[in-house]
Amino acid sequence: MGEREQTAARAAVEQALQDAELDWETGAGGEYVVKLPGTRKLSTTVALAVGRHTLTVNAFVVRRPDENHEAFYRWLLERNTRLYGVAYAIDALGDVYLSGRLPLVAVTPEEVDRVLGAVVENADGSFNTLLELGFADAIRKEHAWRTARGESTRNLDAFTHLIGKADKGAE
């Protein structure tokens, strides 16, 4: 692979980002940083790096779970068998990322769009499930804290079934 393939891959990434009407920043060494909008997770930041031989994709999903580690990580591993272009990965701290790698010859605007779609689907689409699996106690505590202070719990509405379980357990 040479400079020509890298140039073509950069052009494909930029075309995909333009076609999707996304804003991005470029970094040294051929890296693009883009925020993908979400519905459950406000946004997902993705780094796309054009290297000598591959395009790498990395996106932060969620920090290390507070609880229920075995079920949390098992869910990620089972889900990996159904993902396209990316896979769940963890760093040394246990934080969760989506990570992928494509050979430069496979980098087209359409393929970049598919991979970004996979990132959104699996970061945003799975976000509430991951929060339920790894942070149920924190969600309950946050709800109680906000309720006690008369603050909005609107962004916790997706987890009302968890709140109900905590209330029933206290009876």
Protein backbone atom coordinates (compact mmCIF):
# COMPACT_ATOMS: atom_id res chain seq x y z
CA MET A 1 0.00 0.00 0.00
CA GLY A 2 1.21 3.42 -0.75
CA GLU A 3 0.43 7.05 -0.65
CA ARG A 4 -2.12 6.70 -3.47
CA GLU A 5 -4.23 4.26 -1.43
CA GLN A 6 -4.03 6.52 1.62
CA THR A 7 -5.12 9.53 -0.43
CA ALA A 8 -8.05 7.58 -1.89
CA ALA A 9 -9.08 6.38 1.58
CA ARG A 10 -8.97 9.93 2.97
CA ALA A 11 -11.11 11.13 0.06
CA ALA A 12 -13.61 8.31 0.70
CA VAL A 13 -13.83 9.16 4.42
CA GLU A 14 -14.35 12.85 3.68
CA GLN A 15 -16.98 12.08 1.04
CA ALA A 16 -18.88 9.84 3.47
CA LEU A 17 -18.78 12.50 6.19
CA GLN A 18 -19.94 15.20 3.75
CA ASP A 19 -22.73 12.99 2.37
CA ALA A 20 -23.94 12.32 5.92
CA GLU A 21 -23.74 16.06 6.68
CA LEU A 22 -21.50 15.47 9.67
CA ASP A 23 -19.02 17.93 11.10
CA TRP A 24 -15.52 16.63 11.72
CA GLU A 25 -12.07 17.69 12.75
CA THR A 26 -8.84 16.40 11.33
CA GLY A 27 -5.81 15.56 13.35
CA ALA A 28 -2.21 14.84 12.59
CA GLY A 29 -1.51 11.64 10.76
CA GLY A 30 -4.77 11.29 8.84
CA GLU A 31 -7.18 11.04 11.77
CA TYR A 32 -10.74 12.30 11.57
CA VAL A 33 -12.80 12.92 14.69
CA VAL A 34 -16.55 13.09 14.26
CA LYS A 35 -19.50 13.22 16.67
CA LEU A 36 -22.40 11.03 15.64
CA PRO A 37 -25.77 12.15 17.01
CA GLY A 38 -27.85 9.69 19.00
CA THR A 39 -31.20 9.26 20.67
CA ARG A 40 -30.30 7.30 23.81
CA LYS A 41 -26.70 8.42 24.07
CA LEU A 42 -26.48 12.12 23.24
CA SER A 43 -23.57 11.62 20.87
CA THR A 44 -20.80 9.15 20.10
CA THR A 45 -17.34 10.42 19.28
CA VAL A 46 -15.60 8.38 16.60
CA ALA A 47 -11.97 8.49 15.52
CA LEU A 48 -11.23 7.34 11.98
CA ALA A 49 -7.51 6.96 11.30
CA VAL A 50 -6.11 6.36 7.84
CA GLY A 51 -2.91 4.41 8.32
CA ARG A 52 -0.40 2.90 5.95
CA HIS A 53 -2.48 -0.23 5.36
CA THR A 54 -5.81 0.18 7.16
CA LEU A 55 -8.55 2.51 8.27
CA THR A 56 -9.09 2.09 11.99
CA VAL A 57 -12.32 3.05 13.72
CA ASN A 58 -12.57 3.66 17.46
CA ALA A 59 -15.56 4.98 19.41
CA PHE A 60 -16.05 5.30 23.16
CA VAL A 61 -19.32 3.66 24.26
CA VAL A 62 -19.47 3.59 28.07
CA ARG A 63 -17.17 3.53 31.06
CA ARG A 64 -16.40 0.41 33.09
CA PRO A 65 -19.55 -0.96 34.71
CA ASP A 66 -20.07 -0.46 38.44
CA GLU A 67 -21.77 -3.81 38.95
CA ASN A 68 -22.90 -7.04 37.29
CA HIS A 69 -19.58 -7.37 35.45
CA GLU A 70 -20.00 -10.94 34.25
CA ALA A 71 -23.42 -10.35 32.66
CA PHE A 72 -22.29 -7.00 31.27
CA TYR A 73 -19.19 -8.34 29.51
CA ARG A 74 -20.98 -11.54 28.46
CA TRP A 75 -23.64 -9.42 26.73
CA LEU A 76 -20.88 -7.58 24.82
CA LEU A 77 -19.20 -10.80 23.73
CA GLU A 78 -22.47 -12.38 22.60
CA ARG A 79 -23.38 -9.22 20.71
CA ASN A 80 -19.98 -9.19 18.95
CA THR A 81 -21.06 -12.20 16.89
CA ARG A 82 -23.70 -10.05 15.15
CA LEU A 83 -21.79 -6.82 14.52
CA TYR A 84 -20.66 -5.49 11.18
CA GLY A 85 -17.28 -3.81 10.73
CA VAL A 86 -16.70 -3.15 14.43
CA ALA A 87 -16.57 -5.12 17.66
CA TYR A 88 -16.91 -4.25 21.31
CA ALA A 89 -13.54 -3.98 23.03
CA ILE A 90 -12.37 -2.90 26.47
CA ASP A 91 -9.30 -0.96 27.52
CA ALA A 92 -7.08 -1.59 30.55
CA LEU A 93 -9.61 0.19 32.78
CA GLY A 94 -12.56 -1.85 31.52
CA ASP A 95 -14.11 1.04 29.57
CA VAL A 96 -16.02 -0.09 26.48
CA TYR A 97 -15.25 0.95 22.91
CA LEU A 98 -16.32 -0.08 19.45
CA SER A 99 -13.27 -0.82 17.38
CA GLY A 100 -12.76 -1.88 13.78
CA ARG A 101 -10.23 -2.06 11.00
CA LEU A 102 -10.67 -2.06 7.22
CA PRO A 103 -8.01 -2.57 4.57
CA LEU A 104 -7.50 0.63 2.59
CA VAL A 105 -8.64 -1.05 -0.64
CA ALA A 106 -12.07 -1.62 0.96
CA VAL A 107 -12.52 2.02 2.02
CA THR A 108 -15.27 3.60 -0.05
CA PRO A 109 -17.78 6.28 0.96
CA GLU A 110 -20.47 3.58 1.12
CA GLU A 111 -18.36 1.32 3.33
CA VAL A 112 -17.45 4.19 5.68
CA ASP A 113 -21.17 5.01 5.92
CA ARG A 114 -21.98 1.37 6.77
CA VAL A 115 -19.32 1.27 9.48
CA LEU A 116 -20.49 4.60 10.97
CA GLY A 117 -24.02 3.19 10.93
CA ALA A 118 -22.80 0.14 12.83
CA VAL A 119 -21.17 2.44 15.39
CA VAL A 120 -24.39 4.40 15.92
CA GLU A 121 -26.50 1.27 16.09
CA ASN A 122 -24.25 -0.40 18.64
CA ALA A 123 -23.21 2.60 20.74
CA ASP A 124 -26.51 4.48 20.79
CA GLY A 125 -28.90 1.57 20.23
CA SER A 126 -27.35 -0.54 22.98
CA PHE A 127 -26.68 2.28 25.42
CA ASN A 128 -29.71 1.82 27.69
CA THR A 129 -29.18 -1.94 27.85
CA LEU A 130 -25.57 -1.40 28.90
CA LEU A 131 -26.62 1.14 31.54
CA GLU A 132 -29.21 -1.28 32.92
CA LEU A 133 -26.71 -4.13 33.06
CA GLY A 134 -23.82 -2.23 34.58
CA PHE A 135 -25.25 0.79 36.40
CA ALA A 136 -28.71 -0.09 37.81
CA ASP A 137 -27.83 0.93 41.38
CA ALA A 138 -26.38 4.26 40.21
CA ILE A 139 -29.55 4.93 38.19
CA ARG A 140 -31.71 4.25 41.26
CA LYS A 141 -29.55 6.53 43.42
CA GLU A 142 -29.65 9.30 40.81
CA HIS A 143 -33.43 9.04 40.57
CA ALA A 144 -33.81 9.20 44.37
CA TRP A 145 -31.42 12.16 44.60
CA ARG A 146 -33.26 14.12 41.90
CA THR A 147 -36.68 13.27 43.31
CA ALA A 148 -35.65 14.40 46.80
CA ARG A 149 -34.57 17.76 45.38
CA GLY A 150 -37.56 18.20 43.09
CA GLU A 151 -35.39 18.02 39.98
CA SER A 152 -36.39 16.57 36.63
CA THR A 153 -36.03 12.84 36.12
CA ARG A 154 -37.12 13.02 32.49
CA ASN A 155 -33.87 11.62 31.09
CA LEU A 156 -34.28 8.62 33.41
CA ASP A 157 -37.73 7.74 32.03
CA ALA A 158 -36.32 4.79 30.07
CA PHE A 159 -35.37 3.20 33.40
CA THR A 160 -38.64 3.50 35.33
CA HIS A 161 -38.85 -0.31 35.49
CA LEU A 162 -35.60 -0.27 37.50
CA ILE A 163 -36.94 2.38 39.85
CA GLY A 164 -40.07 0.32 40.44
CA LYS A 165 -37.96 -2.72 41.35
CA ALA A 166 -36.04 -0.69 43.92
CA ASP A 167 -39.25 0.64 45.46
CA LYS A 168 -40.79 -2.83 45.70
CA GLY A 169 -37.64 -4.15 47.34
CA ALA A 170 -37.87 -1.45 50.04
CA GLU A 171 -41.38 -2.46 51.05
